[in-house]
Amino acid sequence: MGVKLEILRMFLYLSFPVAVFWVSNQAELFQRHVINRKRQAMAELKQRLRDRKGTDTPGDTEPPGDTAVTPGTHLGTRQ
């Protein structure tokens, strides 16, 4: 009985990680669950940003001054 139990335990210990790696490397599962969800979330974010941009109030504007980053400058420096 002891040898059979040890063989079963070894099979489970080895097959579980192999099964997890096999499932995680299936491209169509990744496409369906991760990439499509990311595309949907990005579309929703873009739509919210468009809606927000259309309803800006004068208090929501940036402070005066040019804060654009040009090549050779550091972030946050003003020109």
C-alpha atoms as a PDB file:
ATOM      1  CA  MET A   1       0.000   0.000   0.000  1.00  0.00           C
ATOM      2  CA  GLY A   2       2.837   2.417   0.849  1.00  0.00           C
ATOM      3  CA  VAL A   3       4.551   2.137  -2.544  1.00  0.00           C
ATOM      4  CA  LYS A   4       1.284   2.723  -4.442  1.00  0.00           C
ATOM      5  CA  LEU A   5       0.535   5.786  -2.329  1.00  0.00           C
ATOM      6  CA  GLU A   6       4.014   7.197  -2.943  1.00  0.00           C
ATOM      7  CA  ILE A   7       3.680   6.609  -6.694  1.00  0.00           C
ATOM      8  CA  LEU A   8       0.326   8.420  -6.674  1.00  0.00           C
ATOM      9  CA  ARG A   9       1.783  11.347  -4.717  1.00  0.00           C
ATOM     10  CA  MET A  10       4.757  11.579  -7.073  1.00  0.00           C
ATOM     11  CA  PHE A  11       2.424  11.520 -10.087  1.00  0.00           C
ATOM     12  CA  LEU A  12       0.335  14.350  -8.605  1.00  0.00           C
ATOM     13  CA  TYR A  13       3.389  16.413  -7.654  1.00  0.00           C
ATOM     14  CA  LEU A  14       4.790  16.121 -11.166  1.00  0.00           C
ATOM     15  CA  SER A  15       1.596  16.355 -13.201  1.00  0.00           C
ATOM     16  CA  PHE A  16       0.155  19.491 -11.549  1.00  0.00           C
ATOM     17  CA  PRO A  17       2.973  21.883 -12.570  1.00  0.00           C
ATOM     18  CA  VAL A  18       3.127  20.331 -16.028  1.00  0.00           C
ATOM     19  CA  ALA A  19      -0.626  20.822 -16.458  1.00  0.00           C
ATOM     20  CA  VAL A  20      -0.431  24.429 -15.252  1.00  0.00           C
ATOM     21  CA  PHE A  21       2.386  25.228 -17.683  1.00  0.00           C
ATOM     22  CA  TRP A  22       0.523  23.534 -20.528  1.00  0.00           C
ATOM     23  CA  VAL A  23      -2.654  25.544 -19.882  1.00  0.00           C
ATOM     24  CA  SER A  24      -0.767  28.818 -19.488  1.00  0.00           C
ATOM     25  CA  ASN A  25       1.035  28.305 -22.802  1.00  0.00           C
ATOM     26  CA  GLN A  26      -2.122  27.817 -24.857  1.00  0.00           C
ATOM     27  CA  ALA A  27      -2.140  30.834 -27.191  1.00  0.00           C
ATOM     28  CA  GLU A  28      -5.875  30.885 -27.884  1.00  0.00           C
ATOM     29  CA  LEU A  29      -6.704  30.847 -24.169  1.00  0.00           C
ATOM     30  CA  PHE A  30      -4.314  33.742 -23.656  1.00  0.00           C
ATOM     31  CA  GLN A  31      -5.847  35.569 -26.635  1.00  0.00           C
ATOM     32  CA  ARG A  32      -9.375  35.045 -25.403  1.00  0.00           C
ATOM     33  CA  HIS A  33      -8.890  35.896 -21.748  1.00  0.00           C
ATOM     34  CA  VAL A  34      -6.043  38.410 -21.604  1.00  0.00           C
ATOM     35  CA  ILE A  35      -5.631  40.263 -24.872  1.00  0.00           C
ATOM     36  CA  ASN A  36      -9.333  40.711 -25.607  1.00  0.00           C
ATOM     37  CA  ARG A  37      -9.976  41.921 -22.049  1.00  0.00           C
ATOM     38  CA  LYS A  38      -7.073  44.366 -22.361  1.00  0.00           C
ATOM     39  CA  ARG A  39      -8.434  45.696 -25.668  1.00  0.00           C
ATOM     40  CA  GLN A  40     -11.875  46.124 -24.137  1.00  0.00           C
ATOM     41  CA  ALA A  41     -10.459  47.942 -21.109  1.00  0.00           C
ATOM     42  CA  MET A  42      -8.381  50.255 -23.312  1.00  0.00           C
ATOM     43  CA  ALA A  43     -11.434  51.068 -25.461  1.00  0.00           C
ATOM     44  CA  GLU A  44     -13.427  51.918 -22.330  1.00  0.00           C
ATOM     45  CA  LEU A  45     -10.575  54.078 -21.022  1.00  0.00           C
ATOM     46  CA  LYS A  46     -10.285  55.941 -24.326  1.00  0.00           C
ATOM     47  CA  GLN A  47     -14.035  56.546 -24.346  1.00  0.00           C
ATOM     48  CA  ARG A  48     -13.965  57.893 -20.774  1.00  0.00           C
ATOM     49  CA  LEU A  49     -11.054  60.180 -21.656  1.00  0.00           C
ATOM     50  CA  ARG A  50     -12.916  61.465 -24.729  1.00  0.00           C
ATOM     51  CA  ASP A  51     -16.014  62.119 -22.638  1.00  0.00           C
ATOM     52  CA  ARG A  52     -13.962  63.852 -19.963  1.00  0.00           C
ATOM     53  CA  LYS A  53     -12.085  65.966 -22.499  1.00  0.00           C
ATOM     54  CA  GLY A  54     -15.354  67.222 -23.937  1.00  0.00           C
ATOM     55  CA  THR A  55     -16.602  68.346 -20.519  1.00  0.00           C
ATOM     56  CA  ASP A  56     -13.488  70.156 -19.224  1.00  0.00           C
ATOM     57  CA  THR A  57     -14.114  73.181 -17.070  1.00  0.00           C
ATOM     58  CA  PRO A  58     -11.762  76.187 -16.855  1.00  0.00           C
ATOM     59  CA  GLY A  59     -10.584  75.031 -13.410  1.00  0.00           C
ATOM     60  CA  ASP A  60      -9.363  71.721 -14.858  1.00  0.00           C
ATOM     61  CA  THR A  61      -6.763  73.262 -17.169  1.00  0.00           C
ATOM     62  CA  GLU A  62      -3.023  72.971 -16.701  1.00  0.00           C
ATOM     63  CA  PRO A  63      -1.015  75.823 -15.181  1.00  0.00           C
ATOM     64  CA  PRO A  64       0.365  78.405 -17.628  1.00  0.00           C
ATOM     65  CA  GLY A  65       3.777  77.782 -19.109  1.00  0.00           C
ATOM     66  CA  ASP A  66       5.274  75.348 -21.539  1.00  0.00           C
ATOM     67  CA  THR A  67       5.898  72.012 -19.800  1.00  0.00           C
ATOM     68  CA  ALA A  68       6.628  70.045 -22.972  1.00  0.00           C
ATOM     69  CA  VAL A  69       9.623  67.740 -22.895  1.00  0.00           C
ATOM     70  CA  THR A  70      12.011  68.260 -25.756  1.00  0.00           C
ATOM     71  CA  PRO A  71      15.000  66.093 -26.640  1.00  0.00           C
ATOM     72  CA  GLY A  72      17.932  66.842 -24.378  1.00  0.00           C
ATOM     73  CA  THR A  73      15.825  68.095 -21.470  1.00  0.00           C
ATOM     74  CA  HIS A  74      14.749  66.381 -18.291  1.00  0.00           C
ATOM     75  CA  LEU A  75      11.186  65.687 -17.314  1.00  0.00           C
ATOM     76  CA  GLY A  76       9.570  68.571 -15.498  1.00  0.00           C
ATOM     77  CA  THR A  77      11.881  71.302 -16.734  1.00  0.00           C
ATOM     78  CA  ARG A  78      10.352  74.355 -18.292  1.00  0.00           C
ATOM     79  CA  GLN A  79      11.640  75.916 -21.463  1.00  0.00           C
END
